[in-house]
Amino acid sequence: MRQVGWTLVLAVAGIQSLAGGMMLVGNVEASFARDTGVPWAVVEAAFPTVTAQFEIASRSSLAGALVVGVYSVVVCVFGLRAGERWAWFTLWLLPAFMLPGIVGLLGTDNQQAFGYFGLGLVAVAAIGLLLSIPGVLAGGAGGRKGSMT
């Protein structure tokens, strides 16, 4: 079960990395127009500094998603797979990081499908972490045995 658990967490972290990376290099203007129904050029003509700040904020958020995903992959492969307690506790940051953005998507009219998909990913990550508890309780490669406290 432990292998299934860390594999599920690894899959969610990989999806987080891919999604963050793909959207980071994506077209912010086209996404804005699709999501709001307002052409980017119209908003940019009226509020050029606002659109510049929006693009910076969007790309920064997506870069953060990419970094958290890659970091989670590394912690999963080198820590959780070995049953390290620190990795198990650290990887709870992955669903915690994902949840606020997902809740925001659920509040929109045209992004709810992504929100529900994200909730599914958070659930899979949590299930994977819970399934990996036996390996963490047994101790990691460093010989640390006993409870996780």
Protein backbone atom coordinates (compact mmCIF):
# COMPACT_ATOMS: atom_id res chain seq x y z
CA MET A 1 0.00 0.00 0.00
CA ARG A 2 2.88 2.34 0.74
CA GLN A 3 4.05 2.16 -2.88
CA VAL A 4 0.54 2.94 -4.11
CA GLY A 5 0.41 5.88 -1.71
CA TRP A 6 3.62 7.59 -2.76
CA THR A 7 2.86 6.85 -6.42
CA LEU A 8 -0.47 8.68 -6.11
CA VAL A 9 1.24 11.67 -4.50
CA LEU A 10 3.91 11.59 -7.20
CA ALA A 11 1.23 11.61 -9.92
CA VAL A 12 -0.51 14.65 -8.39
CA ALA A 13 2.81 16.48 -8.01
CA GLY A 14 3.64 15.69 -11.63
CA ILE A 15 0.28 17.00 -12.83
CA GLN A 16 0.80 20.15 -10.73
CA SER A 17 4.22 20.65 -12.34
CA LEU A 18 2.96 20.10 -15.87
CA ALA A 19 -0.08 22.33 -15.42
CA GLY A 20 1.94 25.15 -13.89
CA GLY A 21 4.60 24.92 -16.59
CA MET A 22 2.16 24.76 -19.49
CA MET A 23 0.09 27.68 -18.26
CA LEU A 24 3.22 29.68 -17.43
CA VAL A 25 4.27 29.71 -21.07
CA GLY A 26 0.66 30.15 -22.22
CA ASN A 27 -1.03 33.24 -23.57
CA VAL A 28 -2.28 35.33 -20.63
CA GLU A 29 -4.18 37.69 -22.94
CA ALA A 30 -6.16 34.91 -24.59
CA SER A 31 -6.93 33.29 -21.23
CA PHE A 32 -8.11 36.62 -19.83
CA ALA A 33 -10.41 37.21 -22.79
CA ARG A 34 -11.79 33.66 -22.61
CA ASP A 35 -12.37 33.80 -18.85
CA THR A 36 -13.88 37.29 -18.65
CA GLY A 37 -15.46 37.80 -22.06
CA VAL A 38 -13.61 41.12 -22.38
CA PRO A 39 -10.92 41.47 -25.06
CA TRP A 40 -7.47 42.08 -23.60
CA ALA A 41 -6.86 44.99 -25.99
CA VAL A 42 -9.88 46.87 -24.63
CA VAL A 43 -8.72 46.53 -21.03
CA GLU A 44 -5.11 47.31 -21.96
CA ALA A 45 -6.13 50.50 -23.78
CA ALA A 46 -8.12 51.71 -20.78
CA PHE A 47 -5.82 50.45 -18.02
CA PRO A 48 -2.28 49.72 -19.30
CA THR A 49 -0.67 49.51 -15.85
CA VAL A 50 -3.42 47.22 -14.55
CA THR A 51 -2.92 44.76 -17.40
CA ALA A 52 0.85 44.79 -16.86
CA GLN A 53 0.37 44.04 -13.16
CA PHE A 54 -2.21 41.37 -13.95
CA GLU A 55 0.21 39.62 -16.28
CA ILE A 56 3.03 39.77 -13.72
CA ALA A 57 0.74 38.43 -10.97
CA SER A 58 -0.57 35.65 -13.21
CA ARG A 59 2.87 34.51 -14.30
CA SER A 60 4.21 34.70 -10.73
CA SER A 61 1.35 32.54 -9.46
CA LEU A 62 1.91 30.00 -12.22
CA ALA A 63 5.66 29.96 -11.54
CA GLY A 64 4.82 29.22 -7.90
CA ALA A 65 2.62 26.32 -8.97
CA LEU A 66 5.44 24.95 -11.10
CA VAL A 67 7.98 25.26 -8.28
CA VAL A 68 5.69 23.61 -5.71
CA GLY A 69 5.01 20.78 -8.16
CA VAL A 70 8.68 20.14 -8.93
CA TYR A 71 9.60 20.41 -5.24
CA SER A 72 6.87 17.92 -4.36
CA VAL A 73 8.12 15.48 -7.02
CA VAL A 74 11.63 15.64 -5.57
CA VAL A 75 10.44 15.22 -1.96
CA CYS A 76 8.20 12.34 -3.01
CA VAL A 77 10.90 10.47 -4.92
CA PHE A 78 13.75 10.99 -2.47
CA GLY A 79 11.88 11.18 0.84
CA LEU A 80 8.42 9.66 0.86
CA ARG A 81 9.41 6.65 -1.21
CA ALA A 82 11.99 5.84 1.48
CA GLY A 83 9.39 6.28 4.24
CA GLU A 84 10.92 9.45 5.69
CA ARG A 85 8.66 11.18 8.20
CA TRP A 86 9.82 14.69 7.25
CA ALA A 87 8.78 14.03 3.64
CA TRP A 88 5.33 12.86 4.69
CA PHE A 89 4.73 15.99 6.75
CA THR A 90 6.23 18.25 4.06
CA LEU A 91 4.08 16.79 1.29
CA TRP A 92 0.89 17.88 3.05
CA LEU A 93 1.85 21.32 1.71
CA LEU A 94 0.98 20.15 -1.82
CA PRO A 95 -2.79 19.83 -1.27
CA ALA A 96 -2.70 22.83 1.09
CA PHE A 97 -1.11 24.94 -1.66
CA MET A 98 -3.57 23.73 -4.29
CA LEU A 99 -6.76 24.21 -2.26
CA PRO A 100 -7.11 28.04 -2.19
CA GLY A 101 -6.84 28.34 -5.97
CA ILE A 102 -9.29 25.51 -6.44
CA VAL A 103 -11.82 27.12 -4.12
CA GLY A 104 -11.45 30.29 -6.18
CA LEU A 105 -12.18 28.37 -9.38
CA LEU A 106 -15.32 26.85 -7.88
CA GLY A 107 -16.69 30.36 -7.37
CA THR A 108 -16.57 31.20 -11.08
CA ASP A 109 -19.13 30.41 -13.73
CA ASN A 110 -16.77 29.20 -16.46
CA GLN A 111 -13.97 27.52 -14.48
CA GLN A 112 -15.91 25.15 -12.21
CA ALA A 113 -14.86 22.06 -14.15
CA PHE A 114 -11.20 22.88 -13.39
CA GLY A 115 -12.15 23.41 -9.76
CA TYR A 116 -13.78 20.01 -9.47
CA PHE A 117 -10.81 18.40 -11.22
CA GLY A 118 -8.52 20.14 -8.74
CA LEU A 119 -10.61 18.92 -5.79
CA GLY A 120 -10.17 15.43 -7.17
CA LEU A 121 -6.41 15.92 -7.30
CA VAL A 122 -6.36 17.17 -3.71
CA ALA A 123 -8.36 14.12 -2.65
CA VAL A 124 -5.99 11.78 -4.51
CA ALA A 125 -2.97 13.45 -2.88
CA ALA A 126 -4.55 13.13 0.59
CA ILE A 127 -5.44 9.48 -0.01
CA GLY A 128 -1.91 8.82 -1.25
CA LEU A 129 -0.42 10.42 1.85
CA LEU A 130 -2.73 8.44 4.11
CA LEU A 131 -1.82 5.20 2.31
CA SER A 132 1.86 5.95 2.81
CA ILE A 133 1.53 6.16 6.62
CA PRO A 134 2.63 2.53 7.22
CA GLY A 135 5.94 3.18 5.47
CA VAL A 136 6.45 6.38 7.41
CA LEU A 137 5.65 4.66 10.72
CA ALA A 138 8.16 1.94 9.96
CA GLY A 139 10.90 4.53 9.56
CA GLY A 140 12.93 5.67 6.61
CA ALA A 141 16.22 4.71 5.10
CA GLY A 142 17.98 6.52 7.95
CA GLY A 143 16.79 3.85 10.38
CA ARG A 144 14.37 6.12 12.23
CA LYS A 145 11.71 3.78 13.56
CA GLY A 146 8.70 4.50 15.69
CA SER A 147 5.80 6.89 15.66
CA MET A 148 5.66 10.01 13.57
CA THR A 149 5.64 12.30 16.61
